[in-house]
Amino acid sequence: MKILVTVLSILFVVLQIKLWAGSGSVRDIWRLNETVAAQQRENGALQERNNALQAEVQDLKTGYAAVEERARTELGMIKSDETFYQVVQK
């Protein structure tokens, strides 16, 4: 009977060591859950950025106001009946 208790105790200790410190342990699962949560947060932010870019592309394809705004701000273009003034700061 003593041998059986000893063997079962040793087996219990070995299984506990594997559970807490081995491959696929509780610590590894916690670490993986944290990694998954961080990746999901990053994916959410990237999805929001993609949605904004998709809306901008759609606006550029369908509306002339967005094209005109881009031409004015990025290319410095003006309409034919407008006068361009440049303000120089000292």
Protein backbone atom coordinates (compact mmCIF):
# COMPACT_ATOMS: atom_id res chain seq x y z
CA MET A 1 0.00 0.00 0.00
CA LYS A 2 2.87 2.38 0.80
CA ILE A 3 4.35 1.78 -2.64
CA LEU A 4 1.05 2.63 -4.34
CA VAL A 5 0.72 5.90 -2.40
CA THR A 6 4.34 6.78 -3.19
CA VAL A 7 3.91 6.05 -6.91
CA LEU A 8 0.68 8.05 -7.06
CA SER A 9 2.30 10.94 -5.20
CA ILE A 10 5.24 10.99 -7.60
CA LEU A 11 2.87 10.83 -10.57
CA PHE A 12 0.83 13.69 -9.12
CA VAL A 13 3.97 15.83 -8.67
CA VAL A 14 5.15 15.10 -12.24
CA LEU A 15 1.74 16.01 -13.66
CA GLN A 16 1.65 19.24 -11.65
CA ILE A 17 5.10 20.19 -12.92
CA LYS A 18 3.96 19.61 -16.51
CA LEU A 19 0.78 21.59 -15.89
CA TRP A 20 2.53 24.66 -14.52
CA ALA A 21 5.97 24.63 -16.20
CA GLY A 22 5.94 22.33 -19.23
CA SER A 23 5.08 22.86 -22.85
CA GLY A 24 1.46 23.96 -23.18
CA SER A 25 1.36 24.95 -19.52
CA VAL A 26 -1.01 27.36 -17.89
CA ARG A 27 1.63 30.10 -18.16
CA ASP A 28 1.94 29.54 -21.91
CA ILE A 29 -1.83 29.72 -22.31
CA TRP A 30 -1.98 33.01 -20.38
CA ARG A 31 0.83 34.43 -22.52
CA LEU A 32 -0.93 33.32 -25.71
CA ASN A 33 -4.21 34.87 -24.56
CA GLU A 34 -2.44 38.18 -23.94
CA THR A 35 -0.83 38.00 -27.38
CA VAL A 36 -4.19 37.28 -29.02
CA ALA A 37 -5.82 40.20 -27.19
CA ALA A 38 -3.04 42.57 -28.28
CA GLN A 39 -3.33 41.38 -31.88
CA GLN A 40 -7.11 41.86 -31.81
CA ARG A 41 -6.65 45.45 -30.58
CA GLU A 42 -4.16 46.12 -33.36
CA ASN A 43 -6.48 44.53 -35.92
CA GLY A 44 -9.33 46.75 -34.73
CA ALA A 45 -7.23 49.88 -35.17
CA LEU A 46 -6.12 48.76 -38.62
CA GLN A 47 -9.72 47.98 -39.57
CA GLU A 48 -10.77 51.50 -38.58
CA ARG A 49 -7.95 52.93 -40.70
CA ASN A 50 -8.95 50.74 -43.64
CA ASN A 51 -12.57 51.85 -43.31
CA ALA A 52 -11.51 55.50 -43.35
CA LEU A 53 -9.32 54.94 -46.41
CA GLN A 54 -12.12 53.06 -48.17
CA ALA A 55 -14.52 55.93 -47.49
CA GLU A 56 -11.96 58.40 -48.85
CA VAL A 57 -11.46 56.32 -51.99
CA GLN A 58 -15.21 56.10 -52.49
CA ASP A 59 -15.52 59.86 -52.03
CA LEU A 60 -12.75 60.49 -54.54
CA LYS A 61 -14.41 58.19 -57.07
CA THR A 62 -17.86 59.74 -56.82
CA GLY A 63 -17.54 63.37 -55.72
CA TYR A 64 -15.68 66.28 -57.23
CA ALA A 65 -15.48 68.18 -53.95
CA ALA A 66 -12.88 65.80 -52.54
CA VAL A 67 -10.85 65.93 -55.75
CA GLU A 68 -10.96 69.72 -55.70
CA GLU A 69 -9.89 69.82 -52.05
CA ARG A 70 -6.96 67.50 -52.75
CA ALA A 71 -5.90 69.58 -55.76
CA ARG A 72 -5.98 72.75 -53.67
CA THR A 73 -4.20 71.47 -50.57
CA GLU A 74 -1.67 69.04 -51.99
CA LEU A 75 -0.97 70.45 -55.44
CA GLY A 76 -1.61 74.15 -54.81
CA MET A 77 -4.01 74.45 -57.72
CA ILE A 78 -6.51 77.27 -58.11
CA LYS A 79 -9.52 77.86 -60.36
CA SER A 80 -9.25 80.09 -63.40
CA ASP A 81 -11.27 82.96 -61.90
CA GLU A 82 -9.47 82.96 -58.54
CA THR A 83 -6.48 84.98 -57.40
CA PHE A 84 -3.71 83.26 -55.45
CA TYR A 85 -2.21 85.02 -52.43
CA GLN A 86 0.76 83.66 -50.57
CA VAL A 87 1.36 84.83 -47.02
CA VAL A 88 5.00 84.80 -45.98
CA GLN A 89 5.73 84.76 -42.26
CA LYS A 90 8.84 86.46 -40.92
